[in-house]
Amino acid sequence: MALEVEGKLTQLLERRSGVSANGTNWTSQDFLIEIPGQYPQTVVFNVYGDRIQLDQYQIGENVKVSFDLRGREYQGKWYNTLNAWKMERVGAAATQPAGQPAAQPAGQPAGPVEEPQASAQGDDLPF
């Protein structure tokens, strides 16, 4: 089951690593997203392996996370994990590469925009 949620990246937790029972190396990292709303919620997601390069994101960025729900039993208790497999920036930062100026809307001049001059009647209001 694939789900998506948008929110603000609030924290990156410490990366964990180890070796599985069959000798395979693994890494895992948790991160927190604050989901806005009338009652904002902070939710923890897990990234297993190198599916998402979390070091490319800044705390405070708005992101969209695609994830799966995983449930498992351990010693008679059940636990859920939100397994993130994709994350992307949301908003202006998502559509504009770093260091590149924003694109001009169609029909707008590419250069600096000059402010209109005040009329000779002394009206200095811009509208």
C-alpha atoms as a PDB file:
ATOM      1  CA  MET A   1       0.000   0.000   0.000  1.00  0.00           C
ATOM      2  CA  ALA A   2       1.662   3.250  -1.158  1.00  0.00           C
ATOM      3  CA  LEU A   3       0.724   6.457   0.667  1.00  0.00           C
ATOM      4  CA  GLU A   4       1.880  10.090   0.449  1.00  0.00           C
ATOM      5  CA  VAL A   5       1.974  12.947   2.931  1.00  0.00           C
ATOM      6  CA  GLU A   6       3.298  16.512   2.832  1.00  0.00           C
ATOM      7  CA  GLY A   7       4.880  18.343   5.736  1.00  0.00           C
ATOM      8  CA  LYS A   8       7.938  20.130   7.084  1.00  0.00           C
ATOM      9  CA  LEU A   9      11.158  18.216   7.743  1.00  0.00           C
ATOM     10  CA  THR A  10      11.899  18.835  11.437  1.00  0.00           C
ATOM     11  CA  GLN A  11      14.632  16.399  12.410  1.00  0.00           C
ATOM     12  CA  LEU A  12      17.071  13.823  11.025  1.00  0.00           C
ATOM     13  CA  LEU A  13      17.914  11.114  13.545  1.00  0.00           C
ATOM     14  CA  GLU A  14      21.204   9.210  13.712  1.00  0.00           C
ATOM     15  CA  ARG A  15      21.974   6.724  10.931  1.00  0.00           C
ATOM     16  CA  ARG A  16      22.236   3.100  12.080  1.00  0.00           C
ATOM     17  CA  SER A  17      24.094   0.308  10.306  1.00  0.00           C
ATOM     18  CA  GLY A  18      24.977  -3.315  10.794  1.00  0.00           C
ATOM     19  CA  VAL A  19      25.280  -6.742   9.235  1.00  0.00           C
ATOM     20  CA  SER A  20      22.257  -9.011   8.777  1.00  0.00           C
ATOM     21  CA  ALA A  21      22.175 -12.685   9.756  1.00  0.00           C
ATOM     22  CA  ASN A  22      23.037 -13.654   6.172  1.00  0.00           C
ATOM     23  CA  GLY A  23      26.074 -11.306   6.115  1.00  0.00           C
ATOM     24  CA  THR A  24      24.569  -8.406   4.153  1.00  0.00           C
ATOM     25  CA  ASN A  25      25.443  -4.849   5.248  1.00  0.00           C
ATOM     26  CA  TRP A  26      22.455  -2.593   5.970  1.00  0.00           C
ATOM     27  CA  THR A  27      21.779   1.049   6.918  1.00  0.00           C
ATOM     28  CA  SER A  28      18.676   2.696   8.319  1.00  0.00           C
ATOM     29  CA  GLN A  29      17.780   6.254   9.312  1.00  0.00           C
ATOM     30  CA  ASP A  30      14.691   7.840  10.838  1.00  0.00           C
ATOM     31  CA  PHE A  31      13.445  11.373  10.151  1.00  0.00           C
ATOM     32  CA  LEU A  32      10.564  13.456  11.475  1.00  0.00           C
ATOM     33  CA  ILE A  33       7.955  15.377   9.471  1.00  0.00           C
ATOM     34  CA  GLU A  34       5.492  17.852  10.969  1.00  0.00           C
ATOM     35  CA  ILE A  35       2.162  17.503   9.181  1.00  0.00           C
ATOM     36  CA  PRO A  36       0.193  20.791   9.270  1.00  0.00           C
ATOM     37  CA  GLY A  37      -3.474  21.111  10.120  1.00  0.00           C
ATOM     38  CA  GLN A  38      -5.736  22.204  12.921  1.00  0.00           C
ATOM     39  CA  TYR A  39      -3.874  19.733  15.143  1.00  0.00           C
ATOM     40  CA  PRO A  40      -0.347  19.435  13.651  1.00  0.00           C
ATOM     41  CA  GLN A  41       1.223  15.999  14.045  1.00  0.00           C
ATOM     42  CA  THR A  42       4.884  14.998  14.124  1.00  0.00           C
ATOM     43  CA  VAL A  43       5.415  11.626  12.457  1.00  0.00           C
ATOM     44  CA  VAL A  44       8.562   9.483  12.267  1.00  0.00           C
ATOM     45  CA  PHE A  45       9.507   7.752   8.992  1.00  0.00           C
ATOM     46  CA  ASN A  46      12.238   5.192   8.357  1.00  0.00           C
ATOM     47  CA  VAL A  47      14.516   4.946   5.311  1.00  0.00           C
ATOM     48  CA  TYR A  48      16.138   1.561   4.830  1.00  0.00           C
ATOM     49  CA  GLY A  49      19.260   1.454   2.672  1.00  0.00           C
ATOM     50  CA  ASP A  50      20.088   4.313   0.319  1.00  0.00           C
ATOM     51  CA  ARG A  51      16.657   4.869  -1.255  1.00  0.00           C
ATOM     52  CA  ILE A  52      16.600   8.510  -0.082  1.00  0.00           C
ATOM     53  CA  GLN A  53      19.697  10.658   0.381  1.00  0.00           C
ATOM     54  CA  LEU A  54      18.539  12.558   3.473  1.00  0.00           C
ATOM     55  CA  ASP A  55      21.711  14.673   3.606  1.00  0.00           C
ATOM     56  CA  GLN A  56      20.415  16.534   0.512  1.00  0.00           C
ATOM     57  CA  TYR A  57      17.535  18.024   2.530  1.00  0.00           C
ATOM     58  CA  GLN A  58      17.547  20.897   5.036  1.00  0.00           C
ATOM     59  CA  ILE A  59      15.634  21.065   8.297  1.00  0.00           C
ATOM     60  CA  GLY A  60      12.567  23.273   7.730  1.00  0.00           C
ATOM     61  CA  GLU A  61      12.065  22.315   4.078  1.00  0.00           C
ATOM     62  CA  ASN A  62       8.581  21.343   2.925  1.00  0.00           C
ATOM     63  CA  VAL A  63       8.633  17.843   1.491  1.00  0.00           C
ATOM     64  CA  LYS A  64       6.326  15.154   0.141  1.00  0.00           C
ATOM     65  CA  VAL A  65       7.067  11.649   1.405  1.00  0.00           C
ATOM     66  CA  SER A  66       5.909   8.464  -0.339  1.00  0.00           C
ATOM     67  CA  PHE A  67       5.813   5.514   2.033  1.00  0.00           C
ATOM     68  CA  ASP A  68       4.447   2.064   2.838  1.00  0.00           C
ATOM     69  CA  LEU A  69       2.982   0.828   6.107  1.00  0.00           C
ATOM     70  CA  ARG A  70       4.726  -2.168   7.649  1.00  0.00           C
ATOM     71  CA  GLY A  71       3.457  -4.138  10.637  1.00  0.00           C
ATOM     72  CA  ARG A  72       5.347  -6.774  12.585  1.00  0.00           C
ATOM     73  CA  GLU A  73       5.002  -8.793  15.753  1.00  0.00           C
ATOM     74  CA  TYR A  74       7.710  -8.983  18.411  1.00  0.00           C
ATOM     75  CA  GLN A  75       7.247 -10.963  21.629  1.00  0.00           C
ATOM     76  CA  GLY A  76       3.479 -10.861  21.422  1.00  0.00           C
ATOM     77  CA  LYS A  77       3.217  -7.111  20.644  1.00  0.00           C
ATOM     78  CA  TRP A  78       2.601  -5.516  17.273  1.00  0.00           C
ATOM     79  CA  TYR A  79       4.555  -2.543  15.898  1.00  0.00           C
ATOM     80  CA  ASN A  80       4.049  -0.347  12.828  1.00  0.00           C
ATOM     81  CA  THR A  81       6.725   1.325  10.714  1.00  0.00           C
ATOM     82  CA  LEU A  82       6.264   4.048   8.093  1.00  0.00           C
ATOM     83  CA  ASN A  83       8.795   2.906   5.485  1.00  0.00           C
ATOM     84  CA  ALA A  84       9.709   5.889   3.254  1.00  0.00           C
ATOM     85  CA  TRP A  85      10.878   5.078  -0.256  1.00  0.00           C
ATOM     86  CA  LYS A  86      10.696   8.491  -1.967  1.00  0.00           C
ATOM     87  CA  MET A  87      10.945  12.113  -0.830  1.00  0.00           C
ATOM     88  CA  GLU A  88      10.783  15.310  -2.873  1.00  0.00           C
ATOM     89  CA  ARG A  89      10.736  19.012  -2.159  1.00  0.00           C
ATOM     90  CA  VAL A  90       7.398  20.844  -2.301  1.00  0.00           C
ATOM     91  CA  GLY A  91       6.927  24.486  -3.285  1.00  0.00           C
ATOM     92  CA  ALA A  92       9.231  26.999  -4.985  1.00  0.00           C
ATOM     93  CA  ALA A  93      12.436  25.193  -3.990  1.00  0.00           C
ATOM     94  CA  ALA A  94      11.224  22.023  -5.721  1.00  0.00           C
ATOM     95  CA  THR A  95      10.911  23.574  -9.169  1.00  0.00           C
ATOM     96  CA  GLN A  96      14.032  25.741  -9.104  1.00  0.00           C
ATOM     97  CA  PRO A  97      17.548  24.279  -9.152  1.00  0.00           C
ATOM     98  CA  ALA A  98      19.904  25.766  -6.554  1.00  0.00           C
ATOM     99  CA  GLY A  99      21.684  28.881  -7.791  1.00  0.00           C
ATOM    100  CA  GLN A 100      19.312  29.416 -10.722  1.00  0.00           C
ATOM    101  CA  PRO A 101      17.068  32.506 -10.961  1.00  0.00           C
ATOM    102  CA  ALA A 102      13.330  31.975 -11.019  1.00  0.00           C
ATOM    103  CA  ALA A 103      11.735  31.830 -14.463  1.00  0.00           C
ATOM    104  CA  GLN A 104       9.792  34.882 -15.607  1.00  0.00           C
ATOM    105  CA  PRO A 105       6.065  34.433 -16.273  1.00  0.00           C
ATOM    106  CA  ALA A 106       5.053  34.539 -19.939  1.00  0.00           C
ATOM    107  CA  GLY A 107       4.788  38.085 -21.277  1.00  0.00           C
ATOM    108  CA  GLN A 108       6.994  39.573 -18.548  1.00  0.00           C
ATOM    109  CA  PRO A 109      10.289  41.315 -19.344  1.00  0.00           C
ATOM    110  CA  ALA A 110      13.408  39.383 -18.341  1.00  0.00           C
ATOM    111  CA  GLY A 111      15.237  42.469 -17.011  1.00  0.00           C
ATOM    112  CA  PRO A 112      14.588  44.620 -13.950  1.00  0.00           C
ATOM    113  CA  VAL A 113      11.109  46.081 -13.678  1.00  0.00           C
ATOM    114  CA  GLU A 114      10.921  49.854 -13.407  1.00  0.00           C
ATOM    115  CA  GLU A 115       8.496  51.377 -10.929  1.00  0.00           C
ATOM    116  CA  PRO A 116       5.874  53.708 -12.446  1.00  0.00           C
ATOM    117  CA  GLN A 117       6.558  57.398 -11.883  1.00  0.00           C
ATOM    118  CA  ALA A 118       4.245  59.446  -9.651  1.00  0.00           C
ATOM    119  CA  SER A 119       1.829  61.615 -11.614  1.00  0.00           C
ATOM    120  CA  ALA A 120       2.364  65.346 -11.843  1.00  0.00           C
ATOM    121  CA  GLN A 121      -0.677  65.858  -9.584  1.00  0.00           C
ATOM    122  CA  GLY A 122       1.326  64.741  -6.525  1.00  0.00           C
ATOM    123  CA  ASP A 123      -0.388  61.364  -6.143  1.00  0.00           C
ATOM    124  CA  ASP A 124       2.411  59.053  -4.974  1.00  0.00           C
ATOM    125  CA  LEU A 125       0.183  56.017  -4.360  1.00  0.00           C
ATOM    126  CA  PRO A 126       1.213  53.022  -6.464  1.00  0.00           C
ATOM    127  CA  PHE A 127      -2.403  52.080  -7.274  1.00  0.00           C
END
